[in-house]
């Protein structure tokens, strides 16, 4: 006799690595470009993953999703990046169920950002879910969770001052340039790469520098031209990179290349040069420091810059955490209700069925059977019984899965 072996249940996990334990080089190994993300989603679908989202920024690469074991998600990450399982074990983290949910809330609200209050990650999370949905990997649970995190992010941003003033790595970059380079308004600034961090840095520089002293270069020239038109800046061809570096006092590198694009072989300098590498993986070779007058600063160093504004933001962490707790509790209540609601409905239907059989029996047995009164009393009893079970399942100390299984077996309910 063959037994029906139930499919192994899945749990919700968050796996990944961030600036907290992984340096820029290690984060570079695990970074995922758009093609790698798509390949990961296609592979996840083929391997039977129900739902997941994947994010990869300069500060972190993470997968949130359902699996029987977290290694299913770790395997997806390692097979679609340059990272290994051994690397992952050294620097990464794995969260399960409520811890995974809480981690996503902290990331999405800027509490886990490299610069406290940086909300740029929330757009990445939104886009990640849209991308997953396009690949049929966004279930109702994930949609509700992402929407809850977006709601929390909006409230933290609007109801606290945790994001007061400018935020993010681009803010720290500009702050560093202004503190380090005297007379910045008269210096030549070259921006190589027009990714999001590069664009934001450029916009902040424009506010405090002369437009005709900032030059843009990008491998794809039309992207640079769009930004230049918006900010009234100069654009040069990629072929002019070496010549423009010689003219620059400050070089900001923010490309998406997987290997260094700037090294000492292309530097033929006649004056000091400050280089800010805002890329993950690193796009400036460390050997540029062999050249006299070159100062190389990476984004990990920039993120450590603290000032009065950043210190002030820390005061609002408890307020932000209270908002997160409120919205995450609502989400947890929804997930519990989603698990037990069908069982409560089935239990009520079972009790109604028992009632109908008993009512039919009493009709035959009793000549003066008061059917209307019996209906009222039995319905009230059924409601009280189902309320007791529902209240038990709502209790935060209840193991919903175990209790639902017990109710289904005792009352012989269909799963």
Protein backbone atom coordinates (compact mmCIF):
# COMPACT_ATOMS: atom_id res chain seq x y z
CA UNK A 1 0.00 0.00 0.00
CA UNK A 2 1.51 3.35 -1.03
CA UNK A 3 1.32 6.27 1.33
CA UNK A 4 0.84 9.84 0.22
CA UNK A 5 3.93 11.62 1.49
CA UNK A 6 3.11 15.31 2.03
CA UNK A 7 5.41 17.88 0.44
CA UNK A 8 7.93 19.29 2.88
CA UNK A 9 6.77 22.60 4.27
CA UNK A 10 8.68 25.75 3.44
CA UNK A 11 9.72 28.66 5.64
CA UNK A 12 10.42 32.30 4.88
CA UNK A 13 14.14 33.16 4.90
CA UNK A 14 16.39 36.17 4.41
CA UNK A 15 19.92 35.29 3.31
CA UNK A 16 22.70 37.62 2.22
CA UNK A 17 25.65 39.77 3.17
CA UNK A 18 26.19 43.46 3.81
CA UNK A 19 28.77 46.10 4.66
CA UNK A 20 28.52 45.07 8.34
CA UNK A 21 30.74 41.99 7.87
CA UNK A 22 31.69 41.93 4.18
CA UNK A 23 34.25 44.39 2.81
CA UNK A 24 33.91 45.97 -0.63
CA UNK A 25 35.92 43.21 -2.30
CA UNK A 26 33.73 40.47 -0.85
CA UNK A 27 30.54 42.37 -1.64
CA UNK A 28 31.84 42.69 -5.20
CA UNK A 29 32.09 38.89 -5.49
CA UNK A 30 28.42 38.49 -4.61
CA UNK A 31 27.08 41.52 -6.51
CA UNK A 32 24.44 40.75 -9.14
CA UNK A 33 23.79 42.80 -12.25
CA UNK A 34 20.36 42.76 -13.96
CA UNK A 35 21.24 39.75 -16.13
CA UNK A 36 22.46 37.75 -13.14
CA UNK A 37 19.27 38.61 -11.22
CA UNK A 38 17.15 37.39 -14.12
CA UNK A 39 19.14 34.17 -14.39
CA UNK A 40 18.70 33.64 -10.66
CA UNK A 41 14.92 34.08 -10.89
CA UNK A 42 14.65 31.71 -13.86
CA UNK A 43 16.69 29.11 -11.98
CA UNK A 44 14.59 29.58 -8.82
CA UNK A 45 11.41 28.97 -10.81
CA UNK A 46 12.84 25.82 -12.40
CA UNK A 47 13.87 24.52 -8.97
CA UNK A 48 10.37 24.88 -7.55
CA UNK A 49 10.85 27.98 -5.38
CA UNK A 50 7.41 29.41 -4.63
CA UNK A 51 8.33 33.07 -4.21
CA UNK A 52 11.42 35.22 -3.70
CA UNK A 53 12.91 38.66 -4.31
CA UNK A 54 16.57 39.50 -4.84
CA UNK A 55 18.31 42.84 -4.25
CA UNK A 56 21.91 43.82 -4.97
CA UNK A 57 23.29 47.25 -4.15
CA UNK A 58 26.72 48.63 -3.34
CA UNK A 59 26.12 47.86 0.34
CA UNK A 60 24.36 44.49 0.29
CA UNK A 61 23.16 41.52 -1.74
CA UNK A 62 20.15 39.66 -0.34
CA UNK A 63 17.51 37.08 -1.20
CA UNK A 64 14.18 36.94 0.62
CA UNK A 65 12.10 33.89 -0.16
CA UNK A 66 10.48 30.56 0.68
CA UNK A 67 12.52 27.38 0.89
CA UNK A 68 12.58 24.01 2.62
CA UNK A 69 16.13 24.84 3.70
CA UNK A 70 18.10 28.12 3.42
CA UNK A 71 20.81 26.36 1.38
CA UNK A 72 18.40 26.37 -1.58
CA UNK A 73 18.66 30.19 -1.58
CA UNK A 74 22.39 30.27 -0.77
CA UNK A 75 23.00 27.94 -3.73
CA UNK A 76 21.06 30.28 -6.04
CA UNK A 77 23.18 33.23 -4.93
CA UNK A 78 26.54 31.46 -5.27
CA UNK A 79 25.73 29.90 -8.64
CA UNK A 80 24.78 33.28 -10.12
CA UNK A 81 27.65 35.35 -8.68
CA UNK A 82 31.42 35.07 -8.22
CA UNK A 83 30.99 34.19 -4.53
CA UNK A 84 31.49 30.71 -3.08
CA UNK A 85 29.70 28.88 -0.29
CA UNK A 86 32.90 29.13 1.77
CA UNK A 87 32.95 32.93 1.27
CA UNK A 88 29.28 33.09 2.21
CA UNK A 89 29.82 31.19 5.45
CA UNK A 90 32.53 33.65 6.52
CA UNK A 91 30.59 36.90 6.13
CA UNK A 92 26.89 36.24 5.52
CA UNK A 93 23.72 35.85 7.58
CA UNK A 94 20.59 33.70 7.49
CA UNK A 95 17.34 34.76 9.15
CA UNK A 96 14.17 32.70 9.39
CA UNK A 97 10.46 33.55 9.77
CA UNK A 98 9.89 36.48 12.15
CA UNK A 99 13.61 37.39 12.24
CA UNK A 100 13.67 37.48 8.43
CA UNK A 101 10.58 39.71 8.36
CA UNK A 102 12.09 42.07 10.94
CA UNK A 103 15.35 42.25 8.97
CA UNK A 104 13.52 43.30 5.80
CA UNK A 105 11.67 46.01 7.73
CA UNK A 106 14.95 47.38 9.14
CA UNK A 107 16.60 47.35 5.71
CA UNK A 108 13.62 48.99 4.00
CA UNK A 109 13.33 51.77 6.60
CA UNK A 110 17.01 52.77 6.50
CA UNK A 111 17.86 51.48 10.00
CA UNK A 112 20.28 48.91 8.57
CA UNK A 113 21.78 51.24 5.94
CA UNK A 114 25.48 52.00 5.81
CA UNK A 115 24.54 55.63 6.43
CA UNK A 116 21.63 55.75 8.89
CA UNK A 117 18.46 57.06 7.28
CA UNK A 118 19.43 56.25 3.68
CA UNK A 119 16.12 55.36 2.01
CA UNK A 120 17.48 54.57 -1.46
CA UNK A 121 17.12 50.81 -0.78
CA UNK A 122 13.30 50.94 -0.68
CA UNK A 123 13.09 51.59 -4.42
CA UNK A 124 15.35 48.55 -4.94
CA UNK A 125 12.95 46.42 -2.88
CA UNK A 126 9.95 47.70 -4.87
CA UNK A 127 11.67 46.98 -8.18
CA UNK A 128 12.80 43.56 -6.97
CA UNK A 129 9.22 42.55 -6.24
CA UNK A 130 7.98 43.82 -9.62
CA UNK A 131 10.77 41.83 -11.32
CA UNK A 132 9.88 38.68 -9.35
CA UNK A 133 6.20 39.07 -10.17
CA UNK A 134 7.07 39.22 -13.88
CA UNK A 135 8.73 35.82 -13.42
CA UNK A 136 5.71 34.44 -11.49
CA UNK A 137 7.65 34.42 -8.22
CA UNK A 138 5.64 36.99 -6.25
CA UNK A 139 2.92 35.36 -4.14
CA UNK A 140 0.30 37.06 -1.92
CA UNK A 141 2.50 36.74 1.18
CA UNK A 142 5.44 38.49 -0.48
CA UNK A 143 3.23 41.20 -1.96
CA UNK A 144 1.66 41.96 1.42
CA UNK A 145 5.09 41.95 3.12
CA UNK A 146 6.71 44.29 0.58
CA UNK A 147 3.73 46.67 0.75
CA UNK A 148 3.97 46.66 4.56
CA UNK A 149 7.68 47.51 4.40
CA UNK A 150 6.95 50.33 1.91
CA UNK A 151 4.26 51.65 4.28
CA UNK A 152 6.70 51.54 7.23
CA UNK A 153 9.38 53.28 5.14
CA UNK A 154 6.99 56.13 4.26
CA UNK A 155 5.89 56.58 7.86
CA UNK A 156 9.46 56.54 9.23
CA UNK A 157 10.48 59.11 6.62
CA UNK A 158 7.45 61.35 7.25
CA UNK A 159 7.00 60.96 11.03
CA UNK A 160 10.61 60.98 12.22
CA UNK A 161 13.70 63.04 11.47
CA UNK A 162 15.88 60.00 10.85
CA UNK A 163 16.40 61.18 7.27
CA UNK A 164 16.82 64.86 8.10
CA UNK A 165 19.23 66.56 5.73
CA UNK A 166 20.81 64.79 2.80
CA UNK A 167 21.45 61.06 3.14
CA UNK A 168 23.33 58.23 1.45
CA UNK A 169 26.82 57.59 0.15
CA UNK A 170 26.43 60.41 -2.38
CA UNK A 171 25.89 62.82 0.52
CA UNK A 172 29.00 61.55 2.30
CA UNK A 173 30.99 61.77 -0.96
CA UNK A 174 30.16 65.41 -1.53
CA UNK A 175 30.74 66.22 2.11
CA UNK A 176 34.18 64.59 1.91
CA UNK A 177 35.12 66.50 -1.27
CA UNK A 178 34.13 69.85 0.23
CA UNK A 179 36.06 69.19 3.44
CA UNK A 180 39.17 67.89 1.65
CA UNK A 181 39.54 70.00 -1.50
CA UNK A 182 40.03 73.76 -0.97
CA UNK A 183 38.29 76.15 -3.36
CA UNK A 184 36.22 73.33 -4.83
CA UNK A 185 34.10 75.73 -6.89
CA UNK A 186 37.16 76.46 -9.05
CA UNK A 187 38.40 72.87 -9.37
CA UNK A 188 37.79 70.46 -12.25
CA UNK A 189 35.60 67.48 -11.36
CA UNK A 190 35.29 64.43 -13.62
CA UNK A 191 32.45 61.96 -13.08
CA UNK A 192 33.08 58.59 -14.73
CA UNK A 193 29.89 56.47 -14.74
CA UNK A 194 26.33 57.69 -14.38
CA UNK A 195 24.72 55.04 -12.18
CA UNK A 196 22.39 56.04 -9.36
CA UNK A 197 25.12 56.95 -6.86
CA UNK A 198 27.03 58.83 -9.56
CA UNK A 199 23.93 60.80 -10.56
CA UNK A 200 23.10 61.72 -6.96
CA UNK A 201 26.68 62.75 -6.26
CA UNK A 202 26.70 64.86 -9.40
CA UNK A 203 23.45 66.62 -8.49
CA UNK A 204 24.83 67.49 -5.04
CA UNK A 205 28.09 68.78 -6.55
CA UNK A 206 26.20 70.99 -9.01
CA UNK A 207 24.51 72.77 -6.12
CA UNK A 208 27.90 73.89 -4.79
CA UNK A 209 30.19 74.09 -7.84
CA UNK A 210 30.35 75.85 -11.19
CA UNK A 211 28.67 73.84 -13.95
CA UNK A 212 31.48 74.39 -16.43
CA UNK A 213 33.95 72.68 -14.07
CA UNK A 214 32.10 69.31 -14.05
CA UNK A 215 32.56 66.84 -16.90
CA UNK A 216 30.69 63.55 -17.44
CA UNK A 217 31.96 60.44 -19.18
CA UNK A 218 30.03 57.18 -19.53
CA UNK A 219 30.62 54.12 -21.71
CA UNK A 220 27.12 54.66 -23.11
CA UNK A 221 27.27 58.32 -24.07
CA UNK A 222 23.51 58.92 -24.40
CA UNK A 223 23.03 58.19 -20.67
CA UNK A 224 25.61 60.84 -19.82
CA UNK A 225 23.97 63.27 -22.25
CA UNK A 226 20.57 62.88 -20.57
CA UNK A 227 22.05 63.76 -17.17
CA UNK A 228 24.18 66.56 -18.65
CA UNK A 229 21.12 68.11 -20.30
CA UNK A 230 19.24 68.05 -17.01
CA UNK A 231 22.10 69.65 -15.06
CA UNK A 232 23.69 71.75 -17.84
CA UNK A 233 27.05 69.93 -17.79
CA UNK A 234 29.82 68.99 -20.25
CA UNK A 235 29.93 65.47 -21.76
CA UNK A 236 33.01 63.84 -23.26
CA UNK A 237 33.50 60.55 -25.12
CA UNK A 238 34.75 57.44 -23.36
CA UNK A 239 37.81 57.62 -25.63
CA UNK A 240 38.72 60.95 -23.94
CA UNK A 241 38.88 59.43 -20.44
CA UNK A 242 42.68 59.47 -20.08
CA UNK A 243 42.97 63.06 -21.32
CA UNK A 244 40.14 64.28 -19.03
CA UNK A 245 41.68 62.58 -15.98
CA UNK A 246 44.83 64.66 -16.53
CA UNK A 247 42.75 67.85 -16.31
CA UNK A 248 40.78 66.76 -13.22
CA UNK A 249 41.37 67.67 -9.59
CA UNK A 250 38.68 65.25 -8.43
CA UNK A 251 37.70 61.98 -10.16
CA UNK A 252 34.47 60.28 -9.06
CA UNK A 253 34.18 56.71 -10.38
CA UNK A 254 30.68 55.17 -10.24
CA UNK A 255 30.57 52.57 -13.00
CA UNK A 256 28.87 49.19 -12.98
CA UNK A 257 31.84 47.31 -14.44
CA UNK A 258 32.81 43.97 -12.89
CA UNK A 259 36.57 44.72 -13.14
CA UNK A 260 38.69 47.84 -12.48
CA UNK A 261 38.39 50.46 -15.23
CA UNK A 262 40.93 52.90 -13.80
CA UNK A 263 44.51 51.95 -12.92
CA UNK A 264 47.91 53.63 -12.80
CA UNK A 265 48.66 52.87 -16.47
CA UNK A 266 46.11 55.47 -17.63
CA UNK A 267 47.19 58.15 -15.14
CA UNK A 268 49.72 60.61 -16.54
CA UNK A 269 49.26 63.31 -13.93
CA UNK A 270 50.63 66.81 -13.75
CA UNK A 271 48.89 67.74 -10.47
CA UNK A 272 47.38 66.04 -7.37
CA UNK A 273 44.24 63.97 -7.90
CA UNK A 274 41.57 62.88 -5.43
CA UNK A 275 39.81 59.69 -6.59
CA UNK A 276 36.52 58.56 -5.05
CA UNK A 277 35.57 54.99 -5.98
CA UNK A 278 31.84 54.61 -5.41
CA UNK A 279 31.58 51.31 -7.30
CA UNK A 280 30.83 47.77 -6.19
CA UNK A 281 32.85 45.80 -7.23
CA UNK A 282 35.73 48.29 -6.90
CA UNK A 283 36.45 49.99 -10.21
CA UNK A 284 39.73 51.68 -9.30
CA UNK A 285 42.84 49.54 -8.97
CA UNK A 286 44.73 50.00 -5.69
CA UNK A 287 47.92 50.50 -7.73
CA UNK A 288 46.91 54.13 -8.47
CA UNK A 289 48.28 54.91 -5.01
CA UNK A 290 51.78 54.14 -6.32
CA UNK A 291 51.62 57.49 -8.13
CA UNK A 292 52.67 60.51 -6.09
CA UNK A 293 49.85 62.96 -5.46
CA UNK A 294 47.01 60.44 -5.83
CA UNK A 295 44.56 60.00 -2.95
CA UNK A 296 42.15 57.04 -3.30
CA UNK A 297 39.04 56.91 -1.14
CA UNK A 298 36.52 54.07 -1.27
CA UNK A 299 32.87 54.21 -0.28
CA UNK A 300 33.43 52.10 2.86
CA UNK A 301 35.62 54.91 4.21
CA UNK A 302 33.06 57.54 3.23
CA UNK A 303 30.31 55.74 5.13
CA UNK A 304 32.30 56.06 8.36
CA UNK A 305 32.20 59.84 8.21
CA UNK A 306 29.96 61.07 10.98
CA UNK A 307 28.91 64.59 11.70
CA UNK A 308 26.37 66.35 13.86
CA UNK A 309 23.54 65.61 11.42
CA UNK A 310 24.18 61.86 11.34
CA UNK A 311 24.60 61.70 15.12
CA UNK A 312 21.33 63.57 15.54
CA UNK A 313 19.49 60.97 13.49
CA UNK A 314 20.30 58.28 16.05
CA UNK A 315 17.92 59.96 18.48
CA UNK A 316 15.01 58.95 16.25
CA UNK A 317 15.82 55.22 16.10
CA UNK A 318 13.37 54.28 18.93
CA UNK A 319 10.58 56.20 17.18
CA UNK A 320 11.33 54.41 13.92
CA UNK A 321 11.45 51.04 15.68
CA UNK A 322 8.02 51.67 17.24
CA UNK A 323 6.56 52.29 13.76
CA UNK A 324 8.20 49.10 12.46
CA UNK A 325 6.83 47.08 15.39
CA UNK A 326 3.30 48.37 14.82
CA UNK A 327 3.23 47.58 11.09
CA UNK A 328 5.13 44.28 11.37
CA UNK A 329 2.71 43.13 14.11
CA UNK A 330 -0.18 43.88 11.74
CA UNK A 331 1.54 41.81 9.08
CA UNK A 332 2.17 38.87 11.46
CA UNK A 333 -1.51 38.97 12.52
CA UNK A 334 -2.50 38.86 8.83
CA UNK A 335 -0.21 35.87 8.16
CA UNK A 336 -1.66 33.97 11.13
CA UNK A 337 -5.21 34.73 10.01
CA UNK A 338 -4.31 33.59 6.51
CA UNK A 339 -3.14 30.27 7.94
CA UNK A 340 -6.05 29.52 10.24
CA UNK A 341 -9.04 31.20 8.56
CA UNK A 342 -9.78 28.26 6.20
CA UNK A 343 -9.63 25.84 9.17
CA UNK A 344 -12.03 27.98 11.24
CA UNK A 345 -14.44 28.15 8.29
CA UNK A 346 -14.18 24.37 7.81
CA UNK A 347 -14.71 23.80 11.55
CA UNK A 348 -17.82 25.97 11.53
CA UNK A 349 -19.18 24.09 8.50
CA UNK A 350 -18.49 20.76 10.26
CA UNK A 351 -20.34 21.88 13.39
CA UNK A 352 -23.24 23.12 11.23
CA UNK A 353 -23.37 19.70 9.58
CA UNK A 354 -23.48 17.98 12.98
CA UNK A 355 -26.23 20.38 14.02
CA UNK A 356 -28.34 19.64 10.93
CA UNK A 357 -28.11 15.89 11.53
CA UNK A 358 -29.12 16.34 15.18
CA UNK A 359 -31.98 18.73 14.25
CA UNK A 360 -33.34 16.19 11.76
CA UNK A 361 -33.16 13.50 14.41
CA UNK A 362 -35.01 15.64 17.02
CA UNK A 363 -37.75 16.54 14.51
CA UNK A 364 -38.61 12.88 14.08
CA UNK A 365 -38.41 12.13 17.79
CA UNK A 366 -40.30 15.09 19.28
CA UNK A 367 -43.84 16.08 18.26
CA UNK A 368 -43.59 19.52 19.84
CA UNK A 369 -39.95 20.20 18.80
CA UNK A 370 -39.34 23.97 18.80
CA UNK A 371 -37.13 24.16 15.72
CA UNK A 372 -36.73 27.96 15.75
CA UNK A 373 -35.54 28.01 19.35
CA UNK A 374 -33.18 25.08 18.78
CA UNK A 375 -31.73 26.87 15.73
CA UNK A 376 -30.97 30.01 17.77
CA UNK A 377 -29.38 28.12 20.67
CA UNK A 378 -27.28 25.76 18.52
CA UNK A 379 -26.01 28.62 16.32
CA UNK A 380 -24.91 30.55 19.41
CA UNK A 381 -23.09 27.48 20.75
CA UNK A 382 -21.36 26.94 17.40
CA UNK A 383 -20.27 30.59 17.31
CA UNK A 384 -18.89 30.40 20.86
CA UNK A 385 -16.95 27.21 20.09
CA UNK A 386 -15.40 28.64 16.89
CA UNK A 387 -14.58 31.91 18.73
CA UNK A 388 -12.67 29.91 21.37
CA UNK A 389 -10.62 28.18 18.69
CA UNK A 390 -10.04 31.46 16.81
CA UNK A 391 -8.86 33.23 19.98
CA UNK A 392 -6.49 30.35 20.71
CA UNK A 393 -5.02 30.60 17.21
CA UNK A 394 -4.67 34.40 17.47
CA UNK A 395 -2.62 34.14 20.68
CA UNK A 396 1.01 35.09 19.99
CA UNK A 397 2.21 32.10 22.04
CA UNK A 398 0.29 29.62 19.88
CA UNK A 399 2.04 27.46 17.33
CA UNK A 400 -0.48 28.00 14.53
CA UNK A 401 0.73 25.14 12.30
CA UNK A 402 0.54 22.57 15.12
CA UNK A 403 -2.87 23.78 16.34
CA UNK A 404 -4.37 23.87 12.84
CA UNK A 405 -3.13 20.31 12.25
CA UNK A 406 -4.64 19.18 15.57
CA UNK A 407 -8.04 20.76 14.82
CA UNK A 408 -8.09 19.22 11.33
CA UNK A 409 -7.34 15.75 12.70
CA UNK A 410 -9.75 15.88 15.68
CA UNK A 411 -12.68 17.14 13.60
CA UNK A 412 -11.65 15.17 10.49
CA UNK A 413 -11.53 18.27 8.33
CA UNK A 414 -10.18 18.21 4.79
CA UNK A 415 -6.76 19.87 4.49
